[in-house]
N, C-alpha and C. Protein backbone atom coordinates (compact mmCIF):
# COMPACT_ATOMS: atom_id res chain seq x y z
N MET A 1 15.10 8.68 -26.80
CA MET A 1 16.22 8.86 -26.07
C MET A 1 16.82 9.10 -25.15
N GLN A 2 15.97 9.94 -24.51
CA GLN A 2 16.36 10.81 -23.61
C GLN A 2 15.77 10.07 -22.24
N ASP A 3 14.53 9.47 -22.77
CA ASP A 3 13.50 8.51 -21.74
C ASP A 3 14.46 6.97 -21.37
N ILE A 4 15.33 6.68 -22.14
CA ILE A 4 16.16 5.43 -22.16
C ILE A 4 17.35 5.40 -21.03
N GLU A 5 17.76 6.97 -21.38
CA GLU A 5 19.39 7.52 -20.50
C GLU A 5 18.61 7.67 -19.06
N TYR A 6 17.27 8.17 -18.86
CA TYR A 6 16.93 8.32 -17.31
C TYR A 6 16.27 7.16 -16.84
N THR A 7 15.98 6.07 -17.52
CA THR A 7 15.54 4.47 -17.20
C THR A 7 17.08 3.75 -16.59
N ASN A 8 17.97 4.28 -17.57
CA ASN A 8 19.37 3.56 -16.71
C ASN A 8 19.63 4.46 -15.93
N GLU A 9 19.19 5.27 -15.47
CA GLU A 9 20.24 6.03 -14.36
C GLU A 9 19.02 5.72 -13.15
N TRP A 10 17.67 5.50 -12.96
CA TRP A 10 17.26 4.97 -12.28
C TRP A 10 17.56 3.34 -12.09
N VAL A 11 17.79 2.81 -12.90
CA VAL A 11 18.23 1.35 -12.99
C VAL A 11 19.35 1.44 -12.03
N ASN A 12 20.72 1.95 -12.87
CA ASN A 12 21.72 2.28 -11.84
C ASN A 12 21.56 2.17 -10.06
N TRP A 13 20.84 3.64 -9.76
CA TRP A 13 20.36 3.82 -8.73
C TRP A 13 19.93 2.19 -8.09
N ILE A 14 19.17 1.78 -8.25
CA ILE A 14 18.70 0.26 -7.68
C ILE A 14 19.89 -0.76 -7.51
N GLU A 15 20.57 -0.82 -8.32
CA GLU A 15 21.71 -2.11 -8.77
C GLU A 15 22.54 -1.02 -7.33
N GLU A 16 23.04 0.16 -7.51
CA GLU A 16 23.73 0.53 -6.50
C GLU A 16 23.37 0.12 -5.05
N ALA A 17 22.04 0.53 -5.15
CA ALA A 17 21.13 0.18 -3.52
C ALA A 17 21.55 -0.96 -3.01
N VAL A 18 21.57 -1.96 -3.72
CA VAL A 18 21.47 -3.43 -4.09
C VAL A 18 22.98 -4.19 -3.25
N ASP A 19 24.04 -2.87 -4.39
CA ASP A 19 25.35 -3.30 -4.20
C ASP A 19 25.93 -3.02 -2.54
N LYS A 20 25.26 -1.88 -2.13
CA LYS A 20 25.89 -1.24 -0.98
C LYS A 20 24.92 -1.81 0.19
N GLU A 21 23.92 -3.12 -0.12
CA GLU A 21 22.98 -3.57 0.76
C GLU A 21 21.87 -2.61 1.49
N TYR A 22 21.65 -1.82 0.97
CA TYR A 22 20.25 -0.85 1.42
C TYR A 22 19.45 -1.62 0.95
N PHE A 23 19.35 -2.20 0.67
CA PHE A 23 18.01 -3.29 0.07
C PHE A 23 18.50 -4.74 -0.02
N LYS A 24 17.72 -5.62 0.56
CA LYS A 24 18.24 -7.52 0.41
C LYS A 24 18.33 -7.53 -1.09
N TYR A 25 19.36 -8.23 -1.60
CA TYR A 25 18.66 -8.53 -2.90
C TYR A 25 18.50 -10.62 -2.82
N TYR A 26 16.94 -10.26 -3.01
CA TYR A 26 16.67 -12.25 -3.13
C TYR A 26 16.88 -12.94 -4.45
N GLU A 27 17.59 -14.07 -4.60
CA GLU A 27 17.30 -14.68 -6.18
C GLU A 27 16.03 -15.09 -6.66
N TYR A 28 15.22 -14.38 -7.45
CA TYR A 28 14.32 -15.23 -8.05
C TYR A 28 14.09 -16.60 -8.12
N GLN A 29 14.89 -17.35 -7.94
CA GLN A 29 14.98 -18.90 -8.55
C GLN A 29 14.59 -19.68 -7.25
N GLN A 30 14.91 -18.45 -5.89
CA GLN A 30 14.68 -19.52 -4.47
C GLN A 30 13.20 -19.11 -4.36
N PHE A 31 12.27 -18.62 -5.09
CA PHE A 31 11.45 -18.92 -5.05
C PHE A 31 10.44 -19.26 -5.35
N ASN A 32 8.84 -20.29 -4.70
CA ASN A 32 8.51 -20.93 -5.19
C ASN A 32 6.71 -20.91 -5.14
N ASN A 33 6.40 -21.81 -5.62
CA ASN A 33 4.49 -21.97 -5.47
C ASN A 33 4.06 -20.49 -5.90
N ILE A 34 4.37 -19.98 -6.96
CA ILE A 34 4.62 -18.62 -7.21
C ILE A 34 3.07 -18.49 -7.73
N GLN A 35 1.75 -17.53 -7.30
CA GLN A 35 0.17 -17.58 -7.65
C GLN A 35 0.16 -16.06 -7.52
N HIS A 36 -0.44 -15.59 -8.19
CA HIS A 36 -1.15 -14.27 -8.92
C HIS A 36 -2.32 -14.18 -7.51
N ILE A 37 -2.25 -13.08 -6.84
CA ILE A 37 -3.04 -12.32 -5.69
C ILE A 37 -3.56 -11.20 -6.08
N GLY A 38 -3.09 -10.21 -6.91
CA GLY A 38 -3.93 -9.41 -7.15
C GLY A 38 -3.19 -8.53 -8.84
N THR A 39 -4.10 -7.30 -9.32
CA THR A 39 -3.07 -6.22 -10.19
C THR A 39 -3.38 -5.13 -9.76
N GLY A 40 -2.52 -4.12 -9.95
CA GLY A 40 -2.74 -2.83 -9.59
C GLY A 40 -2.53 -1.75 -10.71
N GLY A 41 -2.16 -0.98 -10.57
CA GLY A 41 -2.09 0.29 -12.04
C GLY A 41 -0.86 0.20 -12.34
N PHE A 42 -0.14 -0.36 -12.41
CA PHE A 42 1.34 -0.55 -12.23
C PHE A 42 2.38 -2.22 -12.27
N GLY A 43 1.13 -2.72 -12.16
CA GLY A 43 1.83 -3.87 -12.35
C GLY A 43 0.78 -5.20 -11.02
N LYS A 44 1.36 -6.45 -10.77
CA LYS A 44 0.77 -7.75 -10.63
C LYS A 44 1.38 -7.89 -8.83
N VAL A 45 0.73 -8.73 -8.52
CA VAL A 45 1.10 -9.08 -7.02
C VAL A 45 0.90 -10.52 -6.75
N TYR A 46 1.97 -11.32 -6.09
CA TYR A 46 2.07 -12.86 -6.35
C TYR A 46 2.48 -12.97 -5.14
N ARG A 47 1.94 -14.30 -4.96
CA ARG A 47 2.57 -14.99 -3.04
C ARG A 47 3.01 -16.21 -3.36
N ALA A 48 4.21 -16.43 -2.57
CA ALA A 48 5.24 -17.11 -3.16
C ALA A 48 5.85 -17.88 -1.64
N ASN A 49 6.10 -18.97 -2.05
CA ASN A 49 7.24 -19.25 -0.49
C ASN A 49 8.53 -18.90 -0.96
N TRP A 50 8.94 -18.85 0.17
CA TRP A 50 10.83 -19.00 0.25
C TRP A 50 11.25 -20.21 0.16
N LYS A 51 11.99 -20.73 -0.63
CA LYS A 51 12.99 -22.05 -0.30
C LYS A 51 12.77 -22.93 0.18
N ASN A 52 11.50 -23.34 -0.50
CA ASN A 52 10.64 -24.51 0.30
C ASN A 52 10.49 -24.41 1.39
N SER A 53 10.36 -23.38 2.09
CA SER A 53 9.23 -23.15 3.28
C SER A 53 8.04 -22.89 3.40
N GLU A 54 7.56 -22.42 4.59
CA GLU A 54 6.12 -21.85 4.99
C GLU A 54 6.57 -20.71 4.97
N LYS A 55 7.21 -19.75 4.87
CA LYS A 55 7.39 -18.47 4.75
C LYS A 55 6.88 -18.16 3.40
N LYS A 56 6.18 -16.96 3.63
CA LYS A 56 5.43 -16.68 2.57
C LYS A 56 5.58 -15.00 2.18
N PHE A 57 5.99 -14.46 0.96
CA PHE A 57 6.03 -13.22 0.54
C PHE A 57 5.16 -12.68 -0.54
N ALA A 58 5.13 -11.54 -0.35
CA ALA A 58 4.15 -11.05 -1.88
C ALA A 58 5.50 -10.15 -2.78
N LEU A 59 5.22 -10.42 -3.57
CA LEU A 59 6.04 -9.89 -5.31
C LEU A 59 5.53 -9.06 -5.38
N LYS A 60 5.91 -8.06 -6.04
CA LYS A 60 4.77 -7.02 -6.46
C LYS A 60 5.57 -6.62 -7.77
N SER A 61 5.03 -7.35 -9.19
CA SER A 61 5.77 -7.48 -10.10
C SER A 61 5.33 -5.85 -10.87
N PHE A 62 5.78 -5.40 -11.81
CA PHE A 62 6.05 -4.42 -13.04
C PHE A 62 5.52 -4.63 -14.39
N PHE A 63 4.47 -4.06 -14.72
CA PHE A 63 3.94 -4.46 -16.32
C PHE A 63 5.08 -4.25 -17.23
N SER A 64 5.94 -2.84 -16.92
CA SER A 64 6.78 -2.97 -18.30
C SER A 64 8.47 -1.81 -17.59
N LEU A 65 9.36 -2.27 -17.92
CA LEU A 65 10.48 -1.27 -17.36
C LEU A 65 10.77 0.08 -18.24
N ASP A 66 9.64 0.77 -18.23
CA ASP A 66 10.31 2.16 -18.96
C ASP A 66 10.39 3.45 -17.69
N ASN A 67 10.76 4.57 -18.05
CA ASN A 67 11.14 5.43 -17.43
C ASN A 67 9.99 5.46 -15.76
N ILE A 68 8.66 5.92 -16.69
CA ILE A 68 7.91 6.02 -15.26
C ILE A 68 8.07 4.86 -14.48
N THR A 69 7.55 3.22 -14.94
CA THR A 69 7.86 2.18 -14.12
C THR A 69 9.02 2.23 -12.85
N VAL A 70 10.40 2.68 -13.67
CA VAL A 70 11.28 2.30 -13.14
C VAL A 70 11.43 3.45 -11.93
N LYS A 71 11.00 4.53 -11.69
CA LYS A 71 11.07 5.89 -11.34
C LYS A 71 9.97 5.39 -9.97
N GLU A 72 9.19 4.82 -10.26
CA GLU A 72 7.74 4.28 -8.95
C GLU A 72 8.41 3.36 -8.28
N ILE A 73 9.51 1.98 -8.95
CA ILE A 73 10.36 1.24 -8.33
C ILE A 73 10.93 1.93 -7.30
N VAL A 74 11.73 3.01 -7.60
CA VAL A 74 12.54 3.62 -6.80
C VAL A 74 12.12 4.44 -5.78
N ARG A 75 10.77 5.05 -6.17
CA ARG A 75 9.88 5.89 -5.16
C ARG A 75 9.32 4.89 -4.21
N GLU A 76 8.92 3.82 -4.22
CA GLU A 76 8.32 3.02 -3.34
C GLU A 76 9.35 2.29 -2.31
N LEU A 77 10.73 2.19 -3.01
CA LEU A 77 11.41 1.69 -2.08
C LEU A 77 12.12 2.47 -0.97
N LYS A 78 12.31 4.45 -1.50
CA LYS A 78 12.35 5.21 -0.50
C LYS A 78 11.70 5.09 0.28
N ILE A 79 10.43 4.82 0.03
CA ILE A 79 9.02 5.46 0.76
C ILE A 79 9.34 4.52 2.14
N GLN A 80 9.56 3.25 1.53
CA GLN A 80 9.44 1.95 2.37
C GLN A 80 10.56 1.65 3.38
N ARG A 81 11.75 2.14 3.01
CA ARG A 81 12.83 2.93 3.63
C ARG A 81 12.58 3.38 5.10
N ASP A 82 12.17 4.77 4.45
CA ASP A 82 11.77 5.52 5.45
C ASP A 82 10.53 5.53 6.56
N VAL A 83 9.77 4.81 6.44
CA VAL A 83 8.60 3.76 7.16
C VAL A 83 8.67 2.46 7.39
N ASP A 84 10.21 2.19 7.16
CA ASP A 84 9.94 0.68 8.05
C ASP A 84 9.90 0.47 9.35
N PHE A 85 9.72 0.97 9.98
CA PHE A 85 10.14 0.99 11.49
C PHE A 85 8.35 0.71 11.86
N HIS A 86 7.44 1.29 10.96
CA HIS A 86 5.98 1.34 11.58
C HIS A 86 5.48 0.05 11.63
N ASP A 87 5.01 -0.74 12.66
CA ASP A 87 4.34 -2.13 12.66
C ASP A 87 3.07 -2.11 12.07
N ASN A 88 2.04 -1.12 11.78
CA ASN A 88 1.06 -0.98 10.76
C ASN A 88 1.28 -0.82 9.36
N ILE A 89 2.41 -0.95 8.98
CA ILE A 89 2.74 -0.48 7.82
C ILE A 89 3.82 -1.73 6.88
N ILE A 90 2.68 -2.52 5.84
CA ILE A 90 3.56 -3.27 5.02
C ILE A 90 4.72 -3.34 4.91
N ARG A 91 6.01 -3.93 5.64
CA ARG A 91 7.40 -4.14 4.72
C ARG A 91 7.87 -4.37 3.65
N CYS A 92 8.78 -3.56 3.41
CA CYS A 92 9.57 -4.39 2.00
C CYS A 92 10.90 -4.68 2.53
N TYR A 93 10.97 -5.82 1.89
CA TYR A 93 11.75 -6.75 2.52
C TYR A 93 13.35 -6.80 1.69
N GLY A 94 12.88 -6.18 0.44
CA GLY A 94 14.10 -6.17 -0.71
C GLY A 94 13.60 -6.40 -2.37
N ILE A 95 14.54 -6.82 -2.80
CA ILE A 95 14.29 -6.52 -4.31
C ILE A 95 14.62 -8.20 -4.96
N THR A 96 14.00 -8.53 -6.01
CA THR A 96 14.63 -9.65 -6.83
C THR A 96 14.34 -8.90 -8.16
N LYS A 97 15.04 -9.99 -9.16
CA LYS A 97 15.13 -9.78 -10.42
C LYS A 97 14.52 -10.97 -11.51
N LEU A 98 13.69 -10.55 -12.10
CA LEU A 98 13.79 -11.94 -13.07
C LEU A 98 14.44 -11.42 -14.69
N GLU A 99 15.02 -12.35 -14.69
CA GLU A 99 15.74 -12.15 -16.03
C GLU A 99 15.28 -12.86 -17.37
N SER A 100 15.21 -12.03 -18.66
CA SER A 100 14.99 -12.19 -19.68
C SER A 100 15.99 -12.16 -20.68
N ASP A 101 15.82 -12.70 -22.24
CA ASP A 101 16.99 -12.63 -22.97
C ASP A 101 17.05 -10.82 -22.97
N ASN A 102 15.92 -10.26 -23.25
CA ASN A 102 16.15 -8.77 -23.64
C ASN A 102 16.44 -7.87 -22.16
N HIS A 103 15.37 -7.95 -21.30
CA HIS A 103 15.94 -7.10 -20.08
C HIS A 103 15.68 -8.04 -18.83
N ASN A 104 15.81 -7.11 -18.06
CA ASN A 104 15.95 -7.82 -16.40
C ASN A 104 14.25 -6.80 -16.05
N ASN A 105 13.62 -7.96 -14.86
CA ASN A 105 12.60 -7.22 -14.70
C ASN A 105 12.64 -7.37 -13.00
N TYR A 106 12.36 -5.97 -12.25
CA TYR A 106 12.32 -5.90 -10.78
C TYR A 106 11.20 -6.03 -10.42
N TRP A 107 11.32 -7.11 -9.48
CA TRP A 107 9.93 -7.01 -8.30
C TRP A 107 10.55 -6.98 -6.85
N LEU A 108 9.24 -5.46 -6.49
CA LEU A 108 9.59 -5.80 -4.98
C LEU A 108 9.44 -7.01 -4.32
N VAL A 109 10.29 -6.96 -2.91
CA VAL A 109 9.58 -8.53 -2.36
C VAL A 109 9.63 -8.25 -0.63
N MET A 110 8.00 -8.16 -0.88
CA MET A 110 6.98 -7.40 0.61
C MET A 110 6.26 -8.56 1.29
N GLU A 111 6.33 -7.85 2.62
CA GLU A 111 5.60 -8.77 3.39
C GLU A 111 4.01 -9.24 3.18
N TYR A 112 3.95 -10.58 3.67
CA TYR A 112 2.39 -10.86 2.78
C TYR A 112 1.24 -10.85 3.88
N ALA A 113 0.43 -10.19 3.62
CA ALA A 113 -0.54 -9.92 5.00
C ALA A 113 -1.71 -11.21 4.45
N ASP A 114 -1.52 -12.02 4.92
CA ASP A 114 -2.48 -13.35 4.54
C ASP A 114 -4.27 -12.79 5.17
N GLY A 115 -4.66 -11.97 5.60
CA GLY A 115 -5.91 -11.79 5.63
C GLY A 115 -6.39 -10.92 4.08
N GLY A 116 -5.73 -10.70 3.23
CA GLY A 116 -5.95 -10.09 1.95
C GLY A 116 -6.31 -8.37 2.51
N ASN A 117 -7.09 -8.15 1.43
CA ASN A 117 -6.83 -6.28 2.13
C ASN A 117 -8.27 -6.34 2.67
N LEU A 118 -8.65 -4.92 3.49
CA LEU A 118 -9.14 -4.58 4.07
C LEU A 118 -10.53 -4.56 3.48
N ARG A 119 -10.99 -4.33 2.84
CA ARG A 119 -12.41 -4.67 2.15
C ARG A 119 -12.68 -6.15 2.16
N CYS A 120 -11.61 -6.97 1.76
CA CYS A 120 -12.20 -8.52 1.69
C CYS A 120 -11.98 -8.87 3.10
N TYR A 121 -11.39 -8.32 3.73
CA TYR A 121 -11.40 -9.26 5.47
C TYR A 121 -12.75 -8.63 6.07
N LEU A 122 -13.52 -7.34 5.73
CA LEU A 122 -14.75 -6.94 6.29
C LEU A 122 -15.42 -7.84 6.05
N LYS A 123 -15.64 -7.81 5.11
CA LYS A 123 -16.77 -8.80 4.27
C LYS A 123 -16.96 -9.74 4.34
N LYS A 124 -15.50 -10.48 4.84
CA LYS A 124 -15.78 -11.96 5.32
C LYS A 124 -15.99 -11.68 7.18
N ASN A 125 -15.52 -10.93 7.38
CA ASN A 125 -16.00 -10.91 9.05
C ASN A 125 -16.49 -9.96 9.79
N PHE A 126 -17.31 -9.07 9.27
CA PHE A 126 -17.78 -8.17 9.62
C PHE A 126 -18.58 -8.19 10.69
N SER A 127 -19.39 -9.39 10.56
CA SER A 127 -20.52 -9.83 11.52
C SER A 127 -19.75 -10.28 12.83
N ARG A 128 -18.71 -10.73 12.98
CA ARG A 128 -17.91 -11.30 13.81
C ARG A 128 -17.13 -10.36 14.53
N LEU A 129 -16.96 -9.15 14.04
CA LEU A 129 -16.02 -8.05 14.61
C LEU A 129 -16.66 -7.24 15.51
N THR A 130 -16.45 -7.60 17.15
CA THR A 130 -16.93 -6.01 18.08
C THR A 130 -16.92 -4.89 17.50
N TRP A 131 -17.33 -4.13 18.42
CA TRP A 131 -17.14 -2.70 18.37
C TRP A 131 -15.68 -2.50 18.33
N ASP A 132 -15.39 -2.79 19.62
CA ASP A 132 -13.76 -2.88 20.23
C ASP A 132 -13.10 -3.09 18.93
N ASP A 133 -13.31 -4.50 18.30
CA ASP A 133 -12.18 -4.26 17.16
C ASP A 133 -12.57 -3.80 15.77
N LYS A 134 -13.70 -3.05 15.70
CA LYS A 134 -13.39 -2.15 14.55
C LYS A 134 -12.88 -1.08 15.07
N TYR A 135 -12.90 -0.38 15.89
CA TYR A 135 -12.05 0.70 16.54
C TYR A 135 -10.30 0.26 16.53
N ASN A 136 -9.62 -0.79 16.52
CA ASN A 136 -8.80 -1.12 16.62
C ASN A 136 -8.04 -0.55 15.07
N MET A 137 -8.90 -1.41 14.37
CA MET A 137 -8.61 -1.13 13.15
C MET A 137 -8.32 0.23 12.71
N ALA A 138 -9.24 0.99 13.21
CA ALA A 138 -9.17 2.48 12.69
C ALA A 138 -8.32 3.52 12.83
N TYR A 139 -7.79 2.72 14.65
CA TYR A 139 -6.72 2.99 15.01
C TYR A 139 -5.80 2.66 14.42
N GLN A 140 -5.23 1.42 14.24
CA GLN A 140 -4.08 1.39 13.75
C GLN A 140 -3.71 1.68 12.42
N LEU A 141 -4.87 1.97 11.23
CA LEU A 141 -5.36 2.45 10.05
C LEU A 141 -4.57 4.59 10.15
N SER A 142 -4.98 4.93 11.19
CA SER A 142 -4.63 6.20 11.65
C SER A 142 -3.30 5.87 11.97
N CYS A 143 -2.82 5.38 12.77
CA CYS A 143 -1.63 5.55 12.89
C CYS A 143 -0.59 5.19 11.80
N ALA A 144 -0.58 4.56 10.77
CA ALA A 144 -0.32 4.30 9.59
C ALA A 144 -0.06 5.52 8.78
N VAL A 145 -1.48 6.25 8.75
CA VAL A 145 -1.45 7.28 7.70
C VAL A 145 -0.86 8.22 8.52
N SER A 146 -1.11 8.61 9.63
CA SER A 146 -0.03 9.52 10.68
C SER A 146 1.10 9.49 10.25
N CYS A 147 1.54 8.73 10.49
CA CYS A 147 3.33 8.38 10.25
C CYS A 147 3.73 8.46 9.03
N LEU A 148 2.48 8.42 7.70
CA LEU A 148 3.08 8.86 6.38
C LEU A 148 3.39 10.07 6.32
N HIS A 149 2.24 11.12 6.88
CA HIS A 149 2.78 12.22 6.54
C HIS A 149 3.49 12.77 7.60
N ASN A 150 4.39 12.57 8.66
CA ASN A 150 5.04 12.63 9.32
C ASN A 150 5.99 12.90 8.70
N GLU A 151 6.02 11.71 8.13
CA GLU A 151 7.65 11.64 6.89
C GLU A 151 7.54 12.54 5.67
N GLY A 152 6.34 12.87 5.20
CA GLY A 152 6.28 13.76 4.54
C GLY A 152 5.63 12.85 3.17
N ILE A 153 4.60 11.91 3.20
CA ILE A 153 4.64 11.09 2.44
C ILE A 153 3.10 11.37 2.55
N VAL A 154 2.73 11.51 1.14
CA VAL A 154 0.95 11.51 0.57
C VAL A 154 0.58 10.10 -0.32
N HIS A 155 -0.28 9.19 0.40
CA HIS A 155 -0.42 8.43 0.22
C HIS A 155 -0.86 8.20 -1.30
N ARG A 156 -2.45 8.83 -1.42
CA ARG A 156 -3.02 9.31 -3.12
C ARG A 156 -4.01 8.45 -3.48
N ASP A 157 -3.67 7.31 -2.39
CA ASP A 157 -4.75 5.90 -2.87
C ASP A 157 -5.24 5.35 -2.22
N LEU A 158 -5.68 6.45 -1.41
CA LEU A 158 -6.30 5.39 -0.19
C LEU A 158 -7.41 4.46 -0.17
N HIS A 159 -7.87 3.71 0.56
CA HIS A 159 -9.33 3.11 0.12
C HIS A 159 -9.11 1.04 0.53
N SER A 160 -10.09 0.88 0.78
CA SER A 160 -10.48 -0.93 1.06
C SER A 160 -10.09 -1.70 0.07
N GLY A 161 -9.67 -1.77 -0.70
CA GLY A 161 -9.19 -2.52 -0.88
C GLY A 161 -9.58 -2.29 -3.05
N GLU A 162 -10.76 -1.57 -3.45
CA GLU A 162 -10.73 -1.36 -4.58
C GLU A 162 -10.81 0.20 -5.21
N GLN A 163 -11.26 0.20 -6.23
CA GLN A 163 -10.77 1.70 -6.87
C GLN A 163 -12.43 2.29 -6.58
N TYR A 164 -12.41 3.69 -6.34
CA TYR A 164 -13.86 4.03 -6.12
C TYR A 164 -14.51 4.20 -7.18
N ASP A 165 -15.50 4.37 -7.97
CA ASP A 165 -16.04 4.22 -9.13
C ASP A 165 -16.43 5.80 -9.85
N VAL A 166 -16.29 6.15 -11.17
CA VAL A 166 -17.16 7.39 -11.33
C VAL A 166 -18.63 7.69 -10.65
N GLY A 167 -19.44 7.29 -10.98
CA GLY A 167 -20.82 7.51 -10.30
C GLY A 167 -20.49 7.48 -9.02
N LEU A 168 -19.47 6.51 -7.97
CA LEU A 168 -19.80 7.32 -6.85
C LEU A 168 -18.75 9.18 -6.44
N ALA A 169 -17.93 8.92 -7.25
CA ALA A 169 -16.76 10.08 -7.29
C ALA A 169 -17.73 11.31 -7.76
N LEU A 170 -19.16 11.12 -8.09
CA LEU A 170 -19.92 12.58 -8.85
C LEU A 170 -20.84 12.62 -8.02
N ASP A 171 -21.31 11.40 -6.77
CA ASP A 171 -21.74 11.37 -5.89
C ASP A 171 -21.59 12.33 -4.94
N ILE A 172 -20.09 11.96 -4.47
CA ILE A 172 -19.34 12.88 -3.72
C ILE A 172 -19.27 14.30 -3.64
N SER A 173 -18.85 14.52 -5.33
CA SER A 173 -18.87 15.92 -5.88
C SER A 173 -20.53 16.62 -5.38
N GLN A 174 -21.30 15.75 -5.41
CA GLN A 174 -22.50 17.13 -5.24
C GLN A 174 -22.98 16.56 -3.75
N GLY A 175 -22.18 16.09 -2.91
CA GLY A 175 -22.60 16.08 -1.61
C GLY A 175 -23.32 15.31 -1.00
N ILE A 176 -23.53 14.09 -1.95
CA ILE A 176 -24.05 13.09 -1.13
C ILE A 176 -23.52 12.09 -0.47
N ARG A 177 -23.60 11.56 0.67
CA ARG A 177 -23.05 11.13 1.48
C ARG A 177 -23.82 9.37 2.43
N GLU A 178 -22.98 8.48 2.30
CA GLU A 178 -23.83 7.17 2.86
C GLU A 178 -24.78 7.46 4.04
N THR A 179 -25.59 6.75 4.56
CA THR A 179 -26.29 6.82 5.63
C THR A 179 -25.43 6.71 6.83
N ILE A 180 -25.64 7.18 8.44
CA ILE A 180 -25.09 6.74 9.53
C ILE A 180 -25.10 5.09 9.68
N VAL A 181 -23.78 4.37 10.30
CA VAL A 181 -23.71 3.47 10.08
C VAL A 181 -24.52 3.11 11.84
N PRO A 182 -25.82 2.14 11.80
CA PRO A 182 -26.43 1.99 13.07
C PRO A 182 -25.39 1.21 14.58
N ASP A 183 -26.08 1.81 15.31
CA ASP A 183 -25.18 1.03 16.79
C ASP A 183 -23.62 1.86 16.56
N THR A 184 -23.58 2.68 15.59
CA THR A 184 -22.22 3.41 15.78
C THR A 184 -21.99 4.53 17.09
N PRO A 185 -20.91 4.73 18.00
CA PRO A 185 -21.29 5.69 18.88
C PRO A 185 -20.75 7.04 18.50
N ASN A 186 -22.00 8.09 18.64
CA ASN A 186 -21.95 9.24 18.68
C ASN A 186 -20.17 9.62 18.34
N GLU A 187 -19.42 10.03 19.20
CA GLU A 187 -18.11 10.80 18.75
C GLU A 187 -17.55 10.06 17.95
N TYR A 188 -17.83 8.67 17.53
CA TYR A 188 -16.98 8.50 16.80
C TYR A 188 -17.81 8.64 15.26
N ILE A 189 -19.25 8.74 15.13
CA ILE A 189 -19.82 9.46 14.07
C ILE A 189 -19.44 10.76 13.61
N LYS A 190 -18.86 11.56 15.03
CA LYS A 190 -18.52 13.34 14.60
C LYS A 190 -16.99 13.22 13.83
N ILE A 191 -16.64 11.92 13.93
CA ILE A 191 -15.08 12.33 13.14
C ILE A 191 -15.25 11.87 12.26
N TYR A 192 -15.87 10.83 11.95
CA TYR A 192 -15.74 10.44 10.19
C TYR A 192 -16.96 11.18 9.37
N THR A 193 -17.93 12.01 9.68
CA THR A 193 -18.81 13.31 9.40
C THR A 193 -17.83 14.30 9.13
N LYS A 194 -17.34 14.52 9.84
CA LYS A 194 -16.39 15.94 9.92
C LYS A 194 -15.33 15.80 8.56
N CYS A 195 -14.93 14.41 8.26
CA CYS A 195 -14.00 14.06 6.94
C CYS A 195 -14.64 14.05 6.05
N TRP A 196 -15.74 14.42 5.82
CA TRP A 196 -16.61 14.37 4.70
C TRP A 196 -17.26 15.39 4.31
N ASP A 197 -16.28 17.09 5.06
CA ASP A 197 -17.29 18.05 4.99
C ASP A 197 -16.72 18.47 3.40
N GLY A 198 -17.30 19.08 2.84
CA GLY A 198 -17.01 19.31 1.43
C GLY A 198 -15.95 20.48 1.54
N GLU A 199 -16.01 21.13 2.33
CA GLU A 199 -14.83 22.60 2.67
C GLU A 199 -13.64 21.60 3.04
N PRO A 200 -12.81 21.24 2.31
CA PRO A 200 -11.42 21.15 2.65
C PRO A 200 -10.46 21.78 4.14
N ASP A 201 -10.65 22.79 3.95
CA ASP A 201 -10.20 23.02 5.57
C ASP A 201 -11.13 23.13 6.49
N ASN A 202 -12.24 22.74 6.33
CA ASN A 202 -13.04 22.45 7.58
C ASN A 202 -12.59 20.86 8.17
N ARG A 203 -12.09 20.24 7.16
CA ARG A 203 -11.65 18.75 7.08
C ARG A 203 -10.59 18.30 8.78
N PRO A 204 -10.78 17.69 9.20
CA PRO A 204 -9.81 17.37 10.41
C PRO A 204 -8.24 16.98 9.94
N THR A 205 -7.23 17.15 10.31
CA THR A 205 -5.98 16.40 9.72
C THR A 205 -6.12 14.82 10.28
N ILE A 206 -5.02 14.15 9.80
CA ILE A 206 -4.76 12.82 10.20
C ILE A 206 -4.55 12.50 11.77
N TYR A 207 -3.66 13.88 12.12
CA TYR A 207 -3.46 13.37 13.29
C TYR A 207 -4.70 14.03 14.26
N GLN A 208 -5.30 14.94 14.14
CA GLN A 208 -6.40 15.75 14.86
C GLN A 208 -7.25 14.47 14.66
N ASN A 209 -7.55 13.51 13.94
CA ASN A 209 -8.40 12.34 13.82
C ASN A 209 -7.87 11.19 15.25
N LEU A 210 -6.44 11.03 15.14
CA LEU A 210 -5.77 10.26 15.72
C LEU A 210 -6.01 10.27 17.07
N MET A 211 -5.51 11.75 17.49
CA MET A 211 -5.59 12.39 18.76
C MET A 211 -7.40 11.92 19.60
N ARG A 212 -8.18 12.11 18.72
CA ARG A 212 -9.56 11.98 18.79
C ARG A 212 -9.62 10.70 19.31
N LEU A 213 -9.01 9.49 18.43
CA LEU A 213 -9.54 8.15 18.65
C LEU A 213 -8.88 7.32 20.11
N LEU A 214 -7.68 8.46 20.40
CA LEU A 214 -7.14 7.70 21.79
C LEU A 214 -7.98 7.26 23.02
């Protein structure tokens, strides 16, 4: 019973935020050509066109509307609102609602990154990237993470596109590291090997890394 009350409280927060126009509300019926493009821990992600135009959005759905999920929706909306100004962070444009007989499913309406996630992009384009291209991507990523930290936000799930497996986690915990990438400038090697230090207190902060990349 308590979970239901908490869920209603969070749902009311979402609806009040929409009513007060803190977040833009999109009519779900206005989206078309909806295609599944990925799955995460809380739900699925779709690509969709808006109002028969070429404009594409990413729609983030959720598996269920229980207390944990609704709190996650609210948490993500609040985070996106706090960092919406940053060019290197995917924007959340608002929210939509898929209505059914029993309940409403809230979906986030987000910026669509047509290049896919970083891992897919690197697999497809790595051989064509210059060192400056790779440096710029590292710098942009560092800027984005630094922005999150400045806002008191910890990502907790930062990776290039897929979860690390248990075997890799065990290797890392035992001190095993990948070999140095050939032709990488020495200063850059110093940065990322320092981030591998087995003692957390010896690792640089994201701000320190960002300053070294400048």
